[in-house]
């Protein structure tokens, strides 16, 4: 008989990096089954995003000099499960971004890297209904993001000038910064249901941004996801599943010294496959890829071509 006394796979929740909204990947909450295993857990989550397309007001435009940004965000997490309802965790994002863009004296190529904004979150199970062959779980989440990342790149916003000739840059200081310089709130809710080999999950997360360095404030950000899937492997010691991940975002325009930053708004929808495996009640692993089907940005921005995600979590 298939036993649900383990954590399934982690899923990204809003936190972390304040760069492009669709580049947010953050802390983890779990898709929990029957009884979570009390004790410590550690893990890592990697999200790689390729930004190689330029859009003006939601419409693709030629990329004249091959502008791009490759963003790698590795989330290191450590947490503790208190009984079967409450858990808390700390997330430390390690960020590396390489880029190519027009500069004052020609084409500029470079990279930035280091610690991003850390976050502490807590998750509580409000509803847990467990029957033979079916499960229904409802969680709520809350937390805070701390300004631990270097926000020096935001200083570019003070002296940003577009080149006199040629195409403007679609990659700015607010895209490259490792931190926001602000304390931000995080709230969310997650629903998981399973019957037989079929399952589905849905999540809604919201980041409440505050004013940070140089009077720059990132816009509040809403992220949502829906993941219908099927278990192709079920057993007492291991499971395997595949789902279709549908994820979306709605982010308004940032504000800088009381004025709207025109090139910061984004509405997006991504679709892609996700595969997950578990072993015993301790090890979880996931791999997924996302491709944009809707990308509506404000003003002139570099937008994502695809995302690749991978994760592993070990529970003691």
C-alpha atoms as a PDB file:
ATOM      1  CA  UNK A   1       0.000   0.000   0.000  1.00  0.00           C
ATOM      2  CA  UNK A   2       1.268   3.444  -0.889  1.00  0.00           C
ATOM      3  CA  UNK A   3       2.130   5.464   2.232  1.00  0.00           C
ATOM      4  CA  UNK A   4       1.928   9.253   2.341  1.00  0.00           C
ATOM      5  CA  UNK A   5       4.085   9.836   5.424  1.00  0.00           C
ATOM      6  CA  UNK A   6       6.690  11.985   3.690  1.00  0.00           C
ATOM      7  CA  UNK A   7       7.252  15.352   2.072  1.00  0.00           C
ATOM      8  CA  UNK A   8       6.953  15.268  -1.663  1.00  0.00           C
ATOM      9  CA  UNK A   9       8.799  17.865  -3.670  1.00  0.00           C
ATOM     10  CA  UNK A  10       9.482  21.499  -3.000  1.00  0.00           C
ATOM     11  CA  UNK A  11       7.918  24.227  -5.053  1.00  0.00           C
ATOM     12  CA  UNK A  12       9.093  27.757  -5.557  1.00  0.00           C
ATOM     13  CA  UNK A  13       7.489  30.437  -3.468  1.00  0.00           C
ATOM     14  CA  UNK A  14       7.979  34.116  -3.700  1.00  0.00           C
ATOM     15  CA  UNK A  15      11.114  35.471  -2.083  1.00  0.00           C
ATOM     16  CA  UNK A  16      14.568  36.266  -2.752  1.00  0.00           C
ATOM     17  CA  UNK A  17      15.807  38.280  -5.583  1.00  0.00           C
ATOM     18  CA  UNK A  18      14.276  41.551  -6.552  1.00  0.00           C
ATOM     19  CA  UNK A  19      15.538  41.527 -10.111  1.00  0.00           C
ATOM     20  CA  UNK A  20      13.096  40.883 -12.933  1.00  0.00           C
ATOM     21  CA  UNK A  21       9.848  39.641 -11.499  1.00  0.00           C
ATOM     22  CA  UNK A  22       9.758  36.526 -13.631  1.00  0.00           C
ATOM     23  CA  UNK A  23      13.240  35.713 -12.306  1.00  0.00           C
ATOM     24  CA  UNK A  24      11.948  35.329  -8.760  1.00  0.00           C
ATOM     25  CA  UNK A  25      12.629  31.983  -7.225  1.00  0.00           C
ATOM     26  CA  UNK A  26      12.694  31.734  -3.589  1.00  0.00           C
ATOM     27  CA  UNK A  27      12.130  29.787  -0.561  1.00  0.00           C
ATOM     28  CA  UNK A  28      10.369  26.506  -0.452  1.00  0.00           C
ATOM     29  CA  UNK A  29       7.226  25.230   1.009  1.00  0.00           C
ATOM     30  CA  UNK A  30       6.532  21.573   0.571  1.00  0.00           C
ATOM     31  CA  UNK A  31       3.792  19.662  -1.156  1.00  0.00           C
ATOM     32  CA  UNK A  32       3.079  17.674   1.954  1.00  0.00           C
ATOM     33  CA  UNK A  33       1.316  14.363   2.216  1.00  0.00           C
ATOM     34  CA  UNK A  34      -0.048  12.422   5.173  1.00  0.00           C
ATOM     35  CA  UNK A  35       2.266  13.172   8.112  1.00  0.00           C
ATOM     36  CA  UNK A  36       5.388  15.255   7.648  1.00  0.00           C
ATOM     37  CA  UNK A  37       8.503  13.771   9.198  1.00  0.00           C
ATOM     38  CA  UNK A  38       9.465  15.882  12.249  1.00  0.00           C
ATOM     39  CA  UNK A  39      13.013  17.123  12.422  1.00  0.00           C
ATOM     40  CA  UNK A  40      15.574  19.038  10.393  1.00  0.00           C
ATOM     41  CA  UNK A  41      15.738  19.225   6.610  1.00  0.00           C
ATOM     42  CA  UNK A  42      18.252  20.771   4.215  1.00  0.00           C
ATOM     43  CA  UNK A  43      18.149  21.296   0.491  1.00  0.00           C
ATOM     44  CA  UNK A  44      19.123  23.252  -2.581  1.00  0.00           C
ATOM     45  CA  UNK A  45      17.127  24.626  -5.491  1.00  0.00           C
ATOM     46  CA  UNK A  46      18.595  25.933  -8.742  1.00  0.00           C
ATOM     47  CA  UNK A  47      16.814  28.134 -11.261  1.00  0.00           C
ATOM     48  CA  UNK A  48      18.549  29.157 -14.473  1.00  0.00           C
ATOM     49  CA  UNK A  49      16.840  31.749 -16.664  1.00  0.00           C
ATOM     50  CA  UNK A  50      17.916  32.907 -20.112  1.00  0.00           C
ATOM     51  CA  UNK A  51      16.946  36.457 -21.054  1.00  0.00           C
ATOM     52  CA  UNK A  52      17.764  36.843 -24.749  1.00  0.00           C
ATOM     53  CA  UNK A  53      14.704  38.526 -26.255  1.00  0.00           C
ATOM     54  CA  UNK A  54      13.903  42.244 -26.290  1.00  0.00           C
ATOM     55  CA  UNK A  55      10.341  43.526 -26.067  1.00  0.00           C
ATOM     56  CA  UNK A  56       8.850  47.012 -26.253  1.00  0.00           C
ATOM     57  CA  UNK A  57       5.453  47.191 -24.561  1.00  0.00           C
ATOM     58  CA  UNK A  58       4.872  43.447 -24.962  1.00  0.00           C
ATOM     59  CA  UNK A  59       5.989  43.256 -28.619  1.00  0.00           C
ATOM     60  CA  UNK A  60       9.275  41.676 -29.695  1.00  0.00           C
ATOM     61  CA  UNK A  61      11.827  43.983 -31.316  1.00  0.00           C
ATOM     62  CA  UNK A  62      15.162  43.185 -33.031  1.00  0.00           C
ATOM     63  CA  UNK A  63      18.096  42.503 -30.722  1.00  0.00           C
ATOM     64  CA  UNK A  64      20.656  44.532 -32.622  1.00  0.00           C
ATOM     65  CA  UNK A  65      23.794  43.758 -30.600  1.00  0.00           C
ATOM     66  CA  UNK A  66      22.791  40.447 -29.015  1.00  0.00           C
ATOM     67  CA  UNK A  67      21.826  41.722 -25.583  1.00  0.00           C
ATOM     68  CA  UNK A  68      21.305  38.990 -22.994  1.00  0.00           C
ATOM     69  CA  UNK A  69      21.323  38.148 -19.319  1.00  0.00           C
ATOM     70  CA  UNK A  70      21.909  34.632 -17.964  1.00  0.00           C
ATOM     71  CA  UNK A  71      20.666  34.369 -14.391  1.00  0.00           C
ATOM     72  CA  UNK A  72      21.543  31.515 -12.036  1.00  0.00           C
ATOM     73  CA  UNK A  73      20.017  31.498  -8.556  1.00  0.00           C
ATOM     74  CA  UNK A  74      20.913  28.692  -6.142  1.00  0.00           C
ATOM     75  CA  UNK A  75      18.749  28.630  -3.029  1.00  0.00           C
ATOM     76  CA  UNK A  76      20.287  26.909  -0.002  1.00  0.00           C
ATOM     77  CA  UNK A  77      17.703  26.066   2.633  1.00  0.00           C
ATOM     78  CA  UNK A  78      17.657  24.703   6.159  1.00  0.00           C
ATOM     79  CA  UNK A  79      14.516  24.162   8.183  1.00  0.00           C
ATOM     80  CA  UNK A  80      12.739  22.280  10.930  1.00  0.00           C
ATOM     81  CA  UNK A  81       9.402  20.457  10.944  1.00  0.00           C
ATOM     82  CA  UNK A  82       7.536  20.846  14.240  1.00  0.00           C
ATOM     83  CA  UNK A  83       5.152  17.903  14.391  1.00  0.00           C
ATOM     84  CA  UNK A  84       2.925  17.413  11.360  1.00  0.00           C
ATOM     85  CA  UNK A  85       1.498  20.945  10.950  1.00  0.00           C
ATOM     86  CA  UNK A  86       4.120  23.652  11.440  1.00  0.00           C
ATOM     87  CA  UNK A  87       7.503  24.122   9.782  1.00  0.00           C
ATOM     88  CA  UNK A  88      10.007  26.993   9.543  1.00  0.00           C
ATOM     89  CA  UNK A  89      12.992  27.538   7.285  1.00  0.00           C
ATOM     90  CA  UNK A  90      15.796  29.867   6.283  1.00  0.00           C
ATOM     91  CA  UNK A  91      16.696  30.436   2.628  1.00  0.00           C
ATOM     92  CA  UNK A  92      20.028  31.820   1.415  1.00  0.00           C
ATOM     93  CA  UNK A  93      20.164  32.625  -2.326  1.00  0.00           C
ATOM     94  CA  UNK A  94      23.493  32.573  -4.156  1.00  0.00           C
ATOM     95  CA  UNK A  95      23.207  34.552  -7.396  1.00  0.00           C
ATOM     96  CA  UNK A  96      25.314  34.769 -10.538  1.00  0.00           C
ATOM     97  CA  UNK A  97      24.351  36.833 -13.586  1.00  0.00           C
ATOM     98  CA  UNK A  98      26.295  37.394 -16.786  1.00  0.00           C
ATOM     99  CA  UNK A  99      25.153  39.980 -19.312  1.00  0.00           C
ATOM    100  CA  UNK A 100      25.781  41.851 -22.538  1.00  0.00           C
ATOM    101  CA  UNK A 101      24.280  45.287 -23.142  1.00  0.00           C
ATOM    102  CA  UNK A 102      25.066  48.655 -24.770  1.00  0.00           C
ATOM    103  CA  UNK A 103      27.136  50.990 -22.625  1.00  0.00           C
ATOM    104  CA  UNK A 104      28.524  54.510 -22.725  1.00  0.00           C
ATOM    105  CA  UNK A 105      31.584  53.465 -24.727  1.00  0.00           C
ATOM    106  CA  UNK A 106      30.209  50.570 -26.764  1.00  0.00           C
ATOM    107  CA  UNK A 107      29.127  47.049 -25.940  1.00  0.00           C
ATOM    108  CA  UNK A 108      29.496  46.168 -22.262  1.00  0.00           C
ATOM    109  CA  UNK A 109      29.902  42.578 -21.067  1.00  0.00           C
ATOM    110  CA  UNK A 110      30.246  41.534 -17.467  1.00  0.00           C
ATOM    111  CA  UNK A 111      28.882  39.569 -14.551  1.00  0.00           C
ATOM    112  CA  UNK A 112      27.707  40.011 -10.975  1.00  0.00           C
ATOM    113  CA  UNK A 113      27.527  37.459  -8.205  1.00  0.00           C
ATOM    114  CA  UNK A 114      27.166  36.913  -4.488  1.00  0.00           C
ATOM    115  CA  UNK A 115      24.623  36.474  -1.712  1.00  0.00           C
ATOM    116  CA  UNK A 116      21.086  37.647  -2.412  1.00  0.00           C
ATOM    117  CA  UNK A 117      18.341  38.628   0.030  1.00  0.00           C
ATOM    118  CA  UNK A 118      17.791  35.904   2.638  1.00  0.00           C
ATOM    119  CA  UNK A 119      14.335  34.984   3.889  1.00  0.00           C
ATOM    120  CA  UNK A 120      12.747  33.303   6.900  1.00  0.00           C
ATOM    121  CA  UNK A 121       9.324  31.717   6.417  1.00  0.00           C
ATOM    122  CA  UNK A 122       6.875  29.606   8.383  1.00  0.00           C
ATOM    123  CA  UNK A 123       4.227  27.280   6.968  1.00  0.00           C
ATOM    124  CA  UNK A 124       1.138  25.934   8.766  1.00  0.00           C
ATOM    125  CA  UNK A 125      -1.275  23.219   7.681  1.00  0.00           C
ATOM    126  CA  UNK A 126      -4.850  24.405   8.160  1.00  0.00           C
ATOM    127  CA  UNK A 127      -6.574  21.384   6.623  1.00  0.00           C
ATOM    128  CA  UNK A 128      -5.463  17.778   6.276  1.00  0.00           C
ATOM    129  CA  UNK A 129      -7.918  15.136   5.123  1.00  0.00           C
ATOM    130  CA  UNK A 130      -6.449  11.665   4.561  1.00  0.00           C
ATOM    131  CA  UNK A 131      -8.398   8.697   3.307  1.00  0.00           C
ATOM    132  CA  UNK A 132      -7.455   5.473   1.618  1.00  0.00           C
ATOM    133  CA  UNK A 133      -6.449   6.489  -1.901  1.00  0.00           C
ATOM    134  CA  UNK A 134      -7.051  10.241  -1.509  1.00  0.00           C
ATOM    135  CA  UNK A 135      -5.572  13.306   0.204  1.00  0.00           C
ATOM    136  CA  UNK A 136      -6.501  16.966   0.634  1.00  0.00           C
ATOM    137  CA  UNK A 137      -4.005  19.468   2.144  1.00  0.00           C
ATOM    138  CA  UNK A 138      -4.271  23.236   2.610  1.00  0.00           C
ATOM    139  CA  UNK A 139      -1.346  25.331   3.864  1.00  0.00           C
ATOM    140  CA  UNK A 140      -0.754  29.004   4.589  1.00  0.00           C
ATOM    141  CA  UNK A 141       2.650  30.675   4.596  1.00  0.00           C
ATOM    142  CA  UNK A 142       4.149  33.874   5.954  1.00  0.00           C
ATOM    143  CA  UNK A 143       7.604  35.321   6.296  1.00  0.00           C
ATOM    144  CA  UNK A 144      10.027  38.158   5.826  1.00  0.00           C
ATOM    145  CA  UNK A 145      12.786  38.879   3.313  1.00  0.00           C
ATOM    146  CA  UNK A 146      15.882  40.591   4.707  1.00  0.00           C
ATOM    147  CA  UNK A 147      18.203  43.029   2.877  1.00  0.00           C
ATOM    148  CA  UNK A 148      21.316  40.820   2.973  1.00  0.00           C
ATOM    149  CA  UNK A 149      22.157  41.126  -0.738  1.00  0.00           C
ATOM    150  CA  UNK A 150      24.459  43.784  -2.169  1.00  0.00           C
ATOM    151  CA  UNK A 151      22.320  46.563  -3.664  1.00  0.00           C
ATOM    152  CA  UNK A 152      25.139  48.663  -5.208  1.00  0.00           C
ATOM    153  CA  UNK A 153      23.803  48.052  -8.712  1.00  0.00           C
ATOM    154  CA  UNK A 154      20.764  50.164  -7.842  1.00  0.00           C
ATOM    155  CA  UNK A 155      23.083  53.161  -7.894  1.00  0.00           C
ATOM    156  CA  UNK A 156      22.989  52.923 -11.700  1.00  0.00           C
ATOM    157  CA  UNK A 157      19.443  54.272 -11.514  1.00  0.00           C
ATOM    158  CA  UNK A 158      20.856  57.614 -10.312  1.00  0.00           C
ATOM    159  CA  UNK A 159      22.834  58.228 -13.497  1.00  0.00           C
ATOM    160  CA  UNK A 160      21.067  56.131 -16.110  1.00  0.00           C
ATOM    161  CA  UNK A 161      21.376  57.609 -19.597  1.00  0.00           C
ATOM    162  CA  UNK A 162      20.375  56.015 -22.864  1.00  0.00           C
ATOM    163  CA  UNK A 163      22.971  55.998 -25.655  1.00  0.00           C
ATOM    164  CA  UNK A 164      22.560  58.739 -28.219  1.00  0.00           C
ATOM    165  CA  UNK A 165      22.752  56.353 -31.168  1.00  0.00           C
ATOM    166  CA  UNK A 166      21.629  52.771 -31.452  1.00  0.00           C
ATOM    167  CA  UNK A 167      19.340  50.626 -29.367  1.00  0.00           C
ATOM    168  CA  UNK A 168      18.867  51.313 -25.637  1.00  0.00           C
ATOM    169  CA  UNK A 169      19.754  48.766 -22.989  1.00  0.00           C
ATOM    170  CA  UNK A 170      17.117  46.255 -21.908  1.00  0.00           C
ATOM    171  CA  UNK A 171      19.172  45.325 -18.834  1.00  0.00           C
ATOM    172  CA  UNK A 172      19.387  47.847 -16.013  1.00  0.00           C
ATOM    173  CA  UNK A 173      20.655  48.219 -12.488  1.00  0.00           C
ATOM    174  CA  UNK A 174      17.381  46.982 -11.012  1.00  0.00           C
ATOM    175  CA  UNK A 175      17.797  43.807 -13.103  1.00  0.00           C
ATOM    176  CA  UNK A 176      21.380  43.116 -11.999  1.00  0.00           C
ATOM    177  CA  UNK A 177      21.182  44.033  -8.331  1.00  0.00           C
ATOM    178  CA  UNK A 178      21.681  41.185  -5.861  1.00  0.00           C
ATOM    179  CA  UNK A 179      19.516  42.785  -3.189  1.00  0.00           C
ATOM    180  CA  UNK A 180      16.713  45.303  -2.831  1.00  0.00           C
ATOM    181  CA  UNK A 181      17.963  47.093   0.273  1.00  0.00           C
ATOM    182  CA  UNK A 182      14.480  46.657   1.767  1.00  0.00           C
ATOM    183  CA  UNK A 183      12.614  44.512   4.288  1.00  0.00           C
ATOM    184  CA  UNK A 184       9.702  42.804   2.529  1.00  0.00           C
ATOM    185  CA  UNK A 185       6.748  40.731   3.691  1.00  0.00           C
ATOM    186  CA  UNK A 186       5.751  37.375   2.204  1.00  0.00           C
ATOM    187  CA  UNK A 187       2.352  35.663   2.372  1.00  0.00           C
ATOM    188  CA  UNK A 188       0.912  32.712   0.520  1.00  0.00           C
ATOM    189  CA  UNK A 189      -1.414  29.735   0.412  1.00  0.00           C
ATOM    190  CA  UNK A 190      -1.074  26.278  -1.156  1.00  0.00           C
ATOM    191  CA  UNK A 191      -3.589  23.527  -1.909  1.00  0.00           C
ATOM    192  CA  UNK A 192      -2.757  19.900  -2.746  1.00  0.00           C
ATOM    193  CA  UNK A 193      -5.189  17.107  -3.662  1.00  0.00           C
ATOM    194  CA  UNK A 194      -4.661  13.489  -4.730  1.00  0.00           C
ATOM    195  CA  UNK A 195      -6.895  10.601  -5.731  1.00  0.00           C
ATOM    196  CA  UNK A 196      -5.479   7.338  -7.010  1.00  0.00           C
ATOM    197  CA  UNK A 197      -2.650   8.124  -9.379  1.00  0.00           C
ATOM    198  CA  UNK A 198      -3.920  11.626 -10.184  1.00  0.00           C
ATOM    199  CA  UNK A 199      -2.989  14.748  -8.234  1.00  0.00           C
ATOM    200  CA  UNK A 200      -3.122  18.499  -8.526  1.00  0.00           C
ATOM    201  CA  UNK A 201      -1.753  21.464  -6.652  1.00  0.00           C
ATOM    202  CA  UNK A 202      -2.308  25.210  -6.708  1.00  0.00           C
ATOM    203  CA  UNK A 203      -0.437  28.037  -5.037  1.00  0.00           C
ATOM    204  CA  UNK A 204      -0.809  31.791  -4.634  1.00  0.00           C
ATOM    205  CA  UNK A 205       1.970  33.978  -3.210  1.00  0.00           C
ATOM    206  CA  UNK A 206       2.329  37.697  -2.700  1.00  0.00           C
ATOM    207  CA  UNK A 207       5.345  39.872  -1.864  1.00  0.00           C
ATOM    208  CA  UNK A 208       4.725  43.198  -0.119  1.00  0.00           C
ATOM    209  CA  UNK A 209       7.674  45.452  -0.913  1.00  0.00           C
ATOM    210  CA  UNK A 210       8.911  48.364   1.136  1.00  0.00           C
ATOM    211  CA  UNK A 211      11.117  51.302   0.185  1.00  0.00           C
ATOM    212  CA  UNK A 212      14.807  50.453   0.013  1.00  0.00           C
ATOM    213  CA  UNK A 213      18.121  51.970  -0.922  1.00  0.00           C
ATOM    214  CA  UNK A 214      18.236  55.334  -2.777  1.00  0.00           C
ATOM    215  CA  UNK A 215      14.468  55.592  -2.351  1.00  0.00           C
ATOM    216  CA  UNK A 216      13.892  52.707  -4.780  1.00  0.00           C
ATOM    217  CA  UNK A 217      10.857  50.489  -4.154  1.00  0.00           C
ATOM    218  CA  UNK A 218      10.201  47.302  -6.082  1.00  0.00           C
ATOM    219  CA  UNK A 219       6.539  46.778  -6.910  1.00  0.00           C
ATOM    220  CA  UNK A 220       4.422  44.267  -5.030  1.00  0.00           C
ATOM    221  CA  UNK A 221       4.458  40.933  -6.837  1.00  0.00           C
ATOM    222  CA  UNK A 222       1.766  38.260  -7.243  1.00  0.00           C
ATOM    223  CA  UNK A 223       2.794  34.741  -8.266  1.00  0.00           C
ATOM    224  CA  UNK A 224       0.455  31.809  -8.888  1.00  0.00           C
ATOM    225  CA  UNK A 225       0.767  28.233 -10.090  1.00  0.00           C
ATOM    226  CA  UNK A 226      -1.403  25.252 -11.052  1.00  0.00           C
ATOM    227  CA  UNK A 227       0.066  21.763 -11.530  1.00  0.00           C
ATOM    228  CA  UNK A 228      -2.098  18.825 -12.634  1.00  0.00           C
ATOM    229  CA  UNK A 229      -0.137  15.570 -12.664  1.00  0.00           C
ATOM    230  CA  UNK A 230       0.008  11.788 -12.383  1.00  0.00           C
ATOM    231  CA  UNK A 231       2.062   9.315 -10.369  1.00  0.00           C
ATOM    232  CA  UNK A 232       3.789   6.805 -12.638  1.00  0.00           C
ATOM    233  CA  UNK A 233       5.515   5.121  -9.687  1.00  0.00           C
ATOM    234  CA  UNK A 234       3.931   4.434  -6.296  1.00  0.00           C
ATOM    235  CA  UNK A 235       5.309   2.373  -3.443  1.00  0.00           C
ATOM    236  CA  UNK A 236       6.293   2.310   0.208  1.00  0.00           C
ATOM    237  CA  UNK A 237       9.930   3.202  -0.516  1.00  0.00           C
ATOM    238  CA  UNK A 238       9.795   5.441  -3.584  1.00  0.00           C
ATOM    239  CA  UNK A 239       7.484   7.486  -5.807  1.00  0.00           C
ATOM    240  CA  UNK A 240       7.708   9.147  -9.196  1.00  0.00           C
ATOM    241  CA  UNK A 241       5.421  11.774 -10.695  1.00  0.00           C
ATOM    242  CA  UNK A 242       5.106  14.043 -13.696  1.00  0.00           C
ATOM    243  CA  UNK A 243       2.998  17.185 -13.983  1.00  0.00           C
ATOM    244  CA  UNK A 244       2.330  20.153 -16.228  1.00  0.00           C
ATOM    245  CA  UNK A 245       3.454  23.281 -14.396  1.00  0.00           C
ATOM    246  CA  UNK A 246       1.464  26.406 -15.291  1.00  0.00           C
ATOM    247  CA  UNK A 247       2.880  29.458 -13.525  1.00  0.00           C
ATOM    248  CA  UNK A 248       2.051  33.134 -13.750  1.00  0.00           C
ATOM    249  CA  UNK A 249       3.041  36.517 -12.426  1.00  0.00           C
ATOM    250  CA  UNK A 250       1.565  40.001 -12.176  1.00  0.00           C
ATOM    251  CA  UNK A 251       3.972  42.746 -11.152  1.00  0.00           C
ATOM    252  CA  UNK A 252       3.410  46.476 -11.430  1.00  0.00           C
ATOM    253  CA  UNK A 253       5.945  49.233 -11.975  1.00  0.00           C
ATOM    254  CA  UNK A 254       8.657  49.979  -9.433  1.00  0.00           C
ATOM    255  CA  UNK A 255       8.987  53.495  -8.053  1.00  0.00           C
ATOM    256  CA  UNK A 256      12.197  55.500  -7.871  1.00  0.00           C
ATOM    257  CA  UNK A 257      12.282  58.712  -5.852  1.00  0.00           C
ATOM    258  CA  UNK A 258       8.523  59.016  -6.147  1.00  0.00           C
ATOM    259  CA  UNK A 259       8.365  58.400  -9.911  1.00  0.00           C
ATOM    260  CA  UNK A 260       7.293  55.233 -11.720  1.00  0.00           C
ATOM    261  CA  UNK A 261      10.101  53.227 -13.339  1.00  0.00           C
ATOM    262  CA  UNK A 262       8.523  52.561 -16.713  1.00  0.00           C
ATOM    263  CA  UNK A 263      10.657  49.548 -17.670  1.00  0.00           C
ATOM    264  CA  UNK A 264       9.763  47.327 -14.677  1.00  0.00           C
ATOM    265  CA  UNK A 265       6.188  46.030 -15.084  1.00  0.00           C
ATOM    266  CA  UNK A 266       5.537  42.420 -16.126  1.00  0.00           C
ATOM    267  CA  UNK A 267       2.625  40.032 -16.646  1.00  0.00           C
ATOM    268  CA  UNK A 268       3.623  36.507 -17.650  1.00  0.00           C
ATOM    269  CA  UNK A 269       2.453  32.906 -17.962  1.00  0.00           C
ATOM    270  CA  UNK A 270       4.849  29.952 -18.309  1.00  0.00           C
ATOM    271  CA  UNK A 271       4.068  26.319 -19.136  1.00  0.00           C
ATOM    272  CA  UNK A 272       6.358  23.301 -18.898  1.00  0.00           C
ATOM    273  CA  UNK A 273       6.895  19.736 -17.644  1.00  0.00           C
ATOM    274  CA  UNK A 274       8.044  18.833 -14.150  1.00  0.00           C
ATOM    275  CA  UNK A 275       9.267  15.442 -12.914  1.00  0.00           C
ATOM    276  CA  UNK A 276       9.654  14.527  -9.231  1.00  0.00           C
ATOM    277  CA  UNK A 277      11.025  11.526  -7.332  1.00  0.00           C
ATOM    278  CA  UNK A 278      11.110  10.548  -3.655  1.00  0.00           C
ATOM    279  CA  UNK A 279      13.069   7.834  -1.851  1.00  0.00           C
ATOM    280  CA  UNK A 280      11.872   6.432   1.445  1.00  0.00           C
ATOM    281  CA  UNK A 281      10.753   9.336   3.637  1.00  0.00           C
ATOM    282  CA  UNK A 282      13.949  11.336   3.331  1.00  0.00           C
ATOM    283  CA  UNK A 283      15.106  12.271  -0.169  1.00  0.00           C
ATOM    284  CA  UNK A 284      13.136  14.331  -2.715  1.00  0.00           C
ATOM    285  CA  UNK A 285      14.322  15.478  -6.126  1.00  0.00           C
ATOM    286  CA  UNK A 286      12.721  17.534  -8.901  1.00  0.00           C
ATOM    287  CA  UNK A 287      13.533  18.758 -12.406  1.00  0.00           C
ATOM    288  CA  UNK A 288      11.441  21.091 -14.540  1.00  0.00           C
ATOM    289  CA  UNK A 289      11.538  23.418 -17.527  1.00  0.00           C
ATOM    290  CA  UNK A 290       9.299  26.437 -18.213  1.00  0.00           C
ATOM    291  CA  UNK A 291       8.571  28.229 -21.470  1.00  0.00           C
ATOM    292  CA  UNK A 292       6.708  31.537 -21.812  1.00  0.00           C
ATOM    293  CA  UNK A 293       3.309  31.591 -23.522  1.00  0.00           C
ATOM    294  CA  UNK A 294       2.361  35.114 -22.402  1.00  0.00           C
ATOM    295  CA  UNK A 295       4.864  37.926 -21.797  1.00  0.00           C
ATOM    296  CA  UNK A 296       3.541  41.439 -21.510  1.00  0.00           C
ATOM    297  CA  UNK A 297       6.102  43.948 -20.280  1.00  0.00           C
ATOM    298  CA  UNK A 298       6.042  47.699 -19.910  1.00  0.00           C
ATOM    299  CA  UNK A 299       8.414  49.874 -21.933  1.00  0.00           C
ATOM    300  CA  UNK A 300      11.711  48.308 -23.141  1.00  0.00           C
ATOM    301  CA  UNK A 301      12.999  45.170 -21.410  1.00  0.00           C
ATOM    302  CA  UNK A 302      14.930  41.949 -21.911  1.00  0.00           C
ATOM    303  CA  UNK A 303      12.465  39.107 -21.276  1.00  0.00           C
ATOM    304  CA  UNK A 304      12.990  35.395 -20.567  1.00  0.00           C
ATOM    305  CA  UNK A 305      13.291  32.751 -23.286  1.00  0.00           C
ATOM    306  CA  UNK A 306      13.103  29.777 -20.900  1.00  0.00           C
ATOM    307  CA  UNK A 307      13.745  28.631 -17.329  1.00  0.00           C
ATOM    308  CA  UNK A 308      15.274  25.416 -16.013  1.00  0.00           C
ATOM    309  CA  UNK A 309      14.677  24.305 -12.416  1.00  0.00           C
ATOM    310  CA  UNK A 310      16.157  21.507 -10.285  1.00  0.00           C
ATOM    311  CA  UNK A 311      15.915  20.726  -6.579  1.00  0.00           C
ATOM    312  CA  UNK A 312      16.940  18.210  -3.941  1.00  0.00           C
ATOM    313  CA  UNK A 313      15.797  18.055  -0.283  1.00  0.00           C
ATOM    314  CA  UNK A 314      16.998  15.718   2.475  1.00  0.00           C
ATOM    315  CA  UNK A 315      15.035  15.183   5.683  1.00  0.00           C
ATOM    316  CA  UNK A 316      16.861  13.802   8.718  1.00  0.00           C
END
